[in-house]
Protein backbone atom coordinates (compact mmCIF):
# COMPACT_ATOMS: atom_id res chain seq x y z
CA MET A 1 17.12 53.11 -59.97
CA LYS A 2 13.65 54.03 -58.97
CA LYS A 3 13.71 50.12 -58.65
CA ASN A 4 16.32 51.31 -56.30
CA LEU A 5 15.33 54.40 -54.92
CA MET A 6 11.72 52.01 -53.81
CA LEU A 7 13.49 49.59 -52.13
CA GLY A 8 14.87 52.61 -49.81
CA LEU A 9 11.87 54.28 -49.52
CA SER A 10 10.67 51.08 -47.68
CA VAL A 11 13.66 50.22 -45.89
CA ILE A 12 13.74 53.24 -43.41
CA CYS A 13 9.72 53.05 -43.13
CA LEU A 14 10.62 49.26 -41.37
CA VAL A 15 13.58 51.17 -39.57
CA GLY A 16 11.17 54.32 -38.76
CA SER A 17 7.94 52.23 -37.49
CA ALA A 18 10.80 50.53 -35.06
CA GLY A 19 13.15 53.16 -34.28
CA TRP A 20 16.97 53.09 -35.12
CA GLY A 21 19.10 50.05 -33.57
CA GLN A 22 15.75 48.46 -32.86
CA THR A 23 13.70 45.64 -33.56
CA THR A 24 10.16 44.66 -32.91
CA ALA A 25 9.52 43.08 -30.60
CA ALA A 26 7.38 40.08 -30.21
CA PRO A 27 4.66 39.60 -28.55
CA ALA A 28 4.53 38.32 -25.35
CA THR A 29 4.42 34.88 -23.93
CA ASP A 30 3.67 32.67 -21.07
CA VAL A 31 6.86 31.63 -19.47
CA ALA A 32 7.45 27.95 -18.19
CA PRO A 33 8.92 28.32 -14.55
CA VAL A 34 12.24 26.84 -14.15
CA ALA A 35 13.00 23.88 -12.46
CA PRO A 36 15.15 23.58 -9.85
CA ALA A 37 18.82 22.70 -10.14
CA VAL A 38 19.70 18.85 -8.33
CA THR A 39 22.78 19.37 -7.18
CA ALA A 40 25.44 15.90 -7.72
CA LYS A 41 24.67 14.36 -4.05
CA GLU A 42 20.75 13.98 -5.62
CA ILE A 43 21.81 12.78 -8.20
CA ALA A 44 24.22 10.18 -6.88
CA THR A 45 21.92 9.33 -4.34
CA MET A 46 19.07 8.64 -7.08
CA GLU A 47 21.85 6.79 -9.00
CA THR A 48 22.43 4.29 -6.38
CA LYS A 49 17.95 4.36 -5.15
CA LEU A 50 18.36 2.90 -9.15
CA ALA A 51 20.93 0.38 -8.69
CA ASP A 52 19.66 -1.47 -5.87
CA TRP A 53 16.25 -0.29 -6.01
CA PRO A 54 14.96 -3.29 -3.45
CA GLN A 55 18.26 -2.30 -1.32
CA LEU A 56 19.61 -6.46 -1.42
CA GLY A 57 22.67 -4.48 -0.62
CA ARG A 58 21.31 -3.62 3.11
CA TYR A 59 21.84 -7.07 4.72
CA ARG A 60 23.89 -9.02 1.75
CA GLU A 61 26.89 -9.16 4.14
CA ALA A 62 25.42 -9.44 7.46
CA ASN A 63 22.95 -12.59 6.41
CA ALA A 64 26.41 -14.33 5.02
CA THR A 65 28.07 -13.51 8.55
CA LEU A 66 24.36 -14.68 10.62
CA GLY A 67 25.25 -18.44 10.31
CA PRO A 68 23.14 -20.78 10.21
CA VAL A 69 20.39 -21.56 13.57
CA ALA A 70 21.29 -23.40 16.18
CA GLN A 71 19.98 -26.63 17.52
CA GLY A 72 16.89 -26.00 19.48
CA GLU A 73 16.58 -21.92 18.64
CA GLN A 74 13.39 -20.75 17.45
CA ARG A 75 15.03 -18.22 14.92
CA VAL A 76 12.91 -14.95 14.05
CA VAL A 77 12.74 -12.25 11.84
CA PHE A 78 11.52 -8.58 12.45
CA TYR A 79 11.28 -7.81 8.79
CA GLY A 80 9.49 -4.81 7.94
CA ASP A 81 10.54 -0.25 7.39
CA SER A 82 12.09 2.76 9.06
CA ILE A 83 9.21 1.80 12.02
CA THR A 84 11.87 -1.78 12.08
CA ASP A 85 14.92 -0.25 10.86
CA GLY A 86 14.71 1.50 13.93
CA TRP A 87 14.13 -0.45 17.10
CA GLY A 88 17.40 -0.69 19.18
CA ARG A 89 19.47 1.46 16.62
CA ARG A 90 18.13 5.03 16.89
CA PRO A 91 19.06 7.31 20.11
CA ASP A 92 15.78 6.97 22.24
CA THR A 93 14.12 3.34 21.20
CA GLY A 94 15.43 0.82 23.89
CA GLU A 95 17.17 -2.55 23.26
CA PHE A 96 15.75 -4.55 20.91
CA PHE A 97 14.87 -7.85 22.71
CA PRO A 98 18.43 -8.43 24.00
CA GLY A 99 18.89 -12.38 24.34
CA LYS A 100 16.74 -13.20 21.87
CA PRO A 101 17.78 -14.91 18.85
CA TYR A 102 15.30 -12.16 16.41
CA VAL A 103 16.61 -10.68 13.88
CA ASN A 104 15.58 -6.74 12.16
CA ARG A 105 15.70 -6.66 8.44
CA GLY A 106 14.11 -3.63 8.36
CA ILE A 107 14.79 -0.82 6.21
CA SER A 108 14.16 2.70 6.45
CA GLY A 109 11.59 4.39 3.89
CA GLN A 110 10.58 1.26 2.06
CA THR A 111 7.71 -0.17 0.92
CA THR A 112 5.74 -3.45 0.05
CA PRO A 113 6.71 -4.37 -3.11
CA GLN A 114 10.26 -3.67 -2.42
CA MET A 115 9.45 -5.96 0.42
CA VAL A 116 8.27 -8.58 -1.44
CA VAL A 117 11.62 -8.44 -4.23
CA ARG A 118 14.47 -8.78 -1.40
CA PHE A 119 11.85 -11.43 0.39
CA ARG A 120 14.18 -14.34 -0.36
CA GLN A 121 17.01 -13.09 1.04
CA ASP A 122 16.44 -10.77 4.21
CA VAL A 123 13.62 -13.90 5.21
CA ILE A 124 13.95 -17.05 3.78
CA ASN A 125 17.35 -17.64 3.40
CA LEU A 126 18.12 -16.93 7.26
CA ARG A 127 15.39 -20.20 7.65
CA PRO A 128 13.09 -18.18 10.55
CA ALA A 129 11.17 -20.09 12.63
CA ALA A 130 8.80 -16.63 12.56
CA VAL A 131 8.78 -13.42 10.62
CA VAL A 132 6.64 -10.41 11.64
CA ILE A 133 6.07 -8.68 9.47
CA LEU A 134 5.19 -4.41 9.73
CA ALA A 135 4.85 -2.48 6.76
CA GLY A 136 1.85 -0.58 4.47
CA THR A 137 2.97 3.33 5.89
CA ASN A 138 5.38 3.88 3.22
CA ASP A 139 2.67 2.58 1.27
CA VAL A 140 0.43 5.31 2.24
CA ALA A 141 2.86 7.68 1.89
CA GLY A 142 3.26 7.13 -1.90
CA ASN A 143 7.38 6.57 -1.26
CA THR A 144 7.79 4.84 -4.57
CA GLY A 145 5.07 5.91 -6.69
CA PRO A 146 0.99 6.07 -5.43
CA MET A 147 0.02 3.07 -5.04
CA THR A 148 -3.86 1.82 -4.80
CA PRO A 149 -5.15 -0.15 -1.09
CA GLU A 150 -5.72 -3.11 -3.21
CA MET A 151 -1.85 -3.12 -4.44
CA THR A 152 -0.72 -3.10 -1.28
CA GLU A 153 -3.02 -5.91 0.07
CA ASP A 154 -1.90 -8.10 -3.12
CA ASN A 155 2.09 -7.31 -1.28
CA PHE A 156 1.02 -9.05 1.80
CA ARG A 157 -0.81 -11.60 -0.03
CA SER A 158 2.81 -12.29 -1.68
CA MET A 159 4.80 -12.34 1.49
CA ILE A 160 2.53 -14.74 3.56
CA ASP A 161 2.39 -16.72 0.50
CA LEU A 162 6.03 -16.93 0.46
CA ALA A 163 6.95 -17.67 4.40
CA LYS A 164 4.03 -20.57 4.40
CA ALA A 165 5.29 -22.37 0.97
CA ASN A 166 8.83 -22.09 3.08
CA GLY A 167 7.35 -23.26 6.07
CA ILE A 168 7.84 -20.05 8.09
CA ARG A 169 5.05 -19.11 10.30
CA VAL A 170 3.76 -15.63 9.80
CA ILE A 171 2.74 -12.81 12.31
CA ILE A 172 1.45 -9.59 10.51
CA ALA A 173 1.66 -6.46 12.48
CA SER A 174 -1.27 -3.92 11.98
CA ILE A 175 0.10 -0.22 10.50
CA THR A 176 0.84 1.88 12.76
CA PRO A 177 -1.11 4.73 13.77
CA ALA A 178 -0.03 8.41 11.89
CA ALA A 179 -2.24 11.90 11.61
CA ASP A 180 -0.10 13.25 8.82
CA TYR A 181 3.83 12.63 7.21
CA PRO A 182 6.49 14.89 8.20
CA TRP A 183 8.21 14.04 4.60
CA LYS A 184 5.00 14.55 2.66
CA LYS A 185 1.80 16.63 4.68
CA GLY A 186 -1.70 16.43 3.83
CA LEU A 187 -2.51 13.17 2.40
CA THR A 188 -5.03 12.46 5.43
CA PRO A 189 -2.89 8.78 6.09
CA ALA A 190 -5.16 7.94 9.63
CA PRO A 191 -8.53 6.64 7.52
CA LYS A 192 -6.35 5.13 5.04
CA ILE A 193 -4.43 3.30 7.78
CA LYS A 194 -7.27 2.15 9.51
CA ALA A 195 -8.70 0.69 6.50
CA LEU A 196 -6.31 -1.22 6.05
CA ASN A 197 -5.60 -2.74 9.55
CA THR A 198 -9.24 -3.59 9.10
CA TRP A 199 -8.44 -5.96 5.51
CA LEU A 200 -5.21 -7.24 7.25
CA GLN A 201 -7.24 -8.52 10.56
CA GLY A 202 -9.62 -9.96 8.54
CA TYR A 203 -7.32 -12.02 6.17
CA CYS A 204 -5.32 -12.94 8.83
CA VAL A 205 -8.51 -14.65 10.50
CA ILE A 206 -9.82 -16.79 7.19
CA HIS A 207 -6.11 -17.72 6.27
CA SER A 208 -4.59 -18.58 10.06
CA VAL A 209 -1.95 -16.22 10.25
CA THR A 210 -1.28 -13.91 13.67
CA TYR A 211 -2.08 -11.02 13.99
CA LEU A 212 -0.31 -8.11 15.64
CA ASP A 213 -2.03 -5.34 17.41
CA TYR A 214 -0.08 -2.90 18.15
CA TYR A 215 -2.19 0.23 16.29
CA SER A 216 -4.84 -0.47 18.40
CA ALA A 217 -2.40 0.27 22.13
CA MET A 218 -0.98 3.50 20.23
CA VAL A 219 -3.76 5.57 18.74
CA ASP A 220 -5.48 8.94 20.22
CA GLU A 221 -8.97 9.60 19.73
CA SER A 222 -7.95 11.41 15.75
CA GLY A 223 -6.30 8.24 14.33
CA GLY A 224 -3.00 9.67 14.71
CA MET A 225 -0.24 8.42 16.96
CA LYS A 226 -0.90 8.82 21.06
CA PRO A 227 1.34 12.15 22.52
CA GLY A 228 4.68 10.69 24.37
CA ILE A 229 5.71 8.19 22.37
CA SER A 230 7.00 9.00 19.17
CA PHE A 231 9.62 11.00 17.57
CA ASP A 232 7.13 12.84 15.24
CA GLY A 233 4.10 12.01 15.11
CA VAL A 234 4.92 8.63 12.88
CA HIS A 235 8.49 6.80 14.55
CA PRO A 236 8.42 5.42 17.89
CA ASN A 237 10.42 6.54 20.34
CA GLU A 238 11.58 4.12 23.42
CA LYS A 239 8.40 4.32 25.37
CA GLY A 240 6.48 3.97 22.16
CA TYR A 241 8.57 0.55 21.57
CA ALA A 242 7.59 -0.33 25.30
CA ILE A 243 4.34 -0.99 24.17
CA MET A 244 5.07 -2.63 21.21
CA ALA A 245 7.50 -5.47 22.34
CA PRO A 246 5.18 -6.72 24.67
CA LEU A 247 2.50 -7.09 22.16
CA ALA A 248 4.82 -8.74 19.30
CA GLN A 249 6.41 -10.74 22.45
CA ALA A 250 3.30 -12.47 22.91
CA ALA A 251 2.25 -12.61 19.26
CA ILE A 252 5.85 -14.65 18.92
CA ASP A 253 4.75 -17.14 21.87
CA LYS A 254 1.52 -17.30 20.85
CA THR A 255 2.67 -18.65 17.00
CA LEU A 256 5.48 -21.08 18.26
CA GLY A 257 3.63 -22.13 20.71
CA GLY A 258 5.21 -20.35 23.63
CA LYS A 259 8.82 -22.17 23.19
């Protein structure tokens, strides 16, 4: 009886300290912010990218129907990212070398590691006389993850070596200027692009590769794109491509002997 009474008093004391029908509150703790929900569309996009990271499927059918190089023809593959991809395909970008046996194999958003993976399918197997490689700005932007300049340089080395091993003349285009990236602001790409271009130009001289200098003709005083020649400070418009086209043609003529 005494034991039951003591137990009852203990219960009353506990309840009284917290209030009837209440429990003692746990000490407050910091709550981690809740990540925004990922939509089904975003998940599907990520799954598609993972299934074909280098985007080999983009040009697989076009390559199969391209046909062999005609006798006497000097096919040139323009190989790169969105700046190549959009040439003649986006509104207000002008024509892509009408009447020339030039093949566009640019893919928007691509980085140099992705381009190394698809180099055999989208360049070597097309049997071009020359390839014009324009890449690197998306490496600076970190589109497929953080990259050092040395990583980008190694990928250029690999593409150049692959082309030379297969008898393809190489033209390396400078990275076009950009003061900022609309899709990833605050990275201050201008000095990084300038440094990579300096390395590219030096490497081309040492290894007997044609260097195609778009940069000098398109850059402003701040290291960005000149006003009026791009849509967004990164992607050229018709005026921008009008600057690039004769420079590219001159580099092709030089590399292939003007044939």
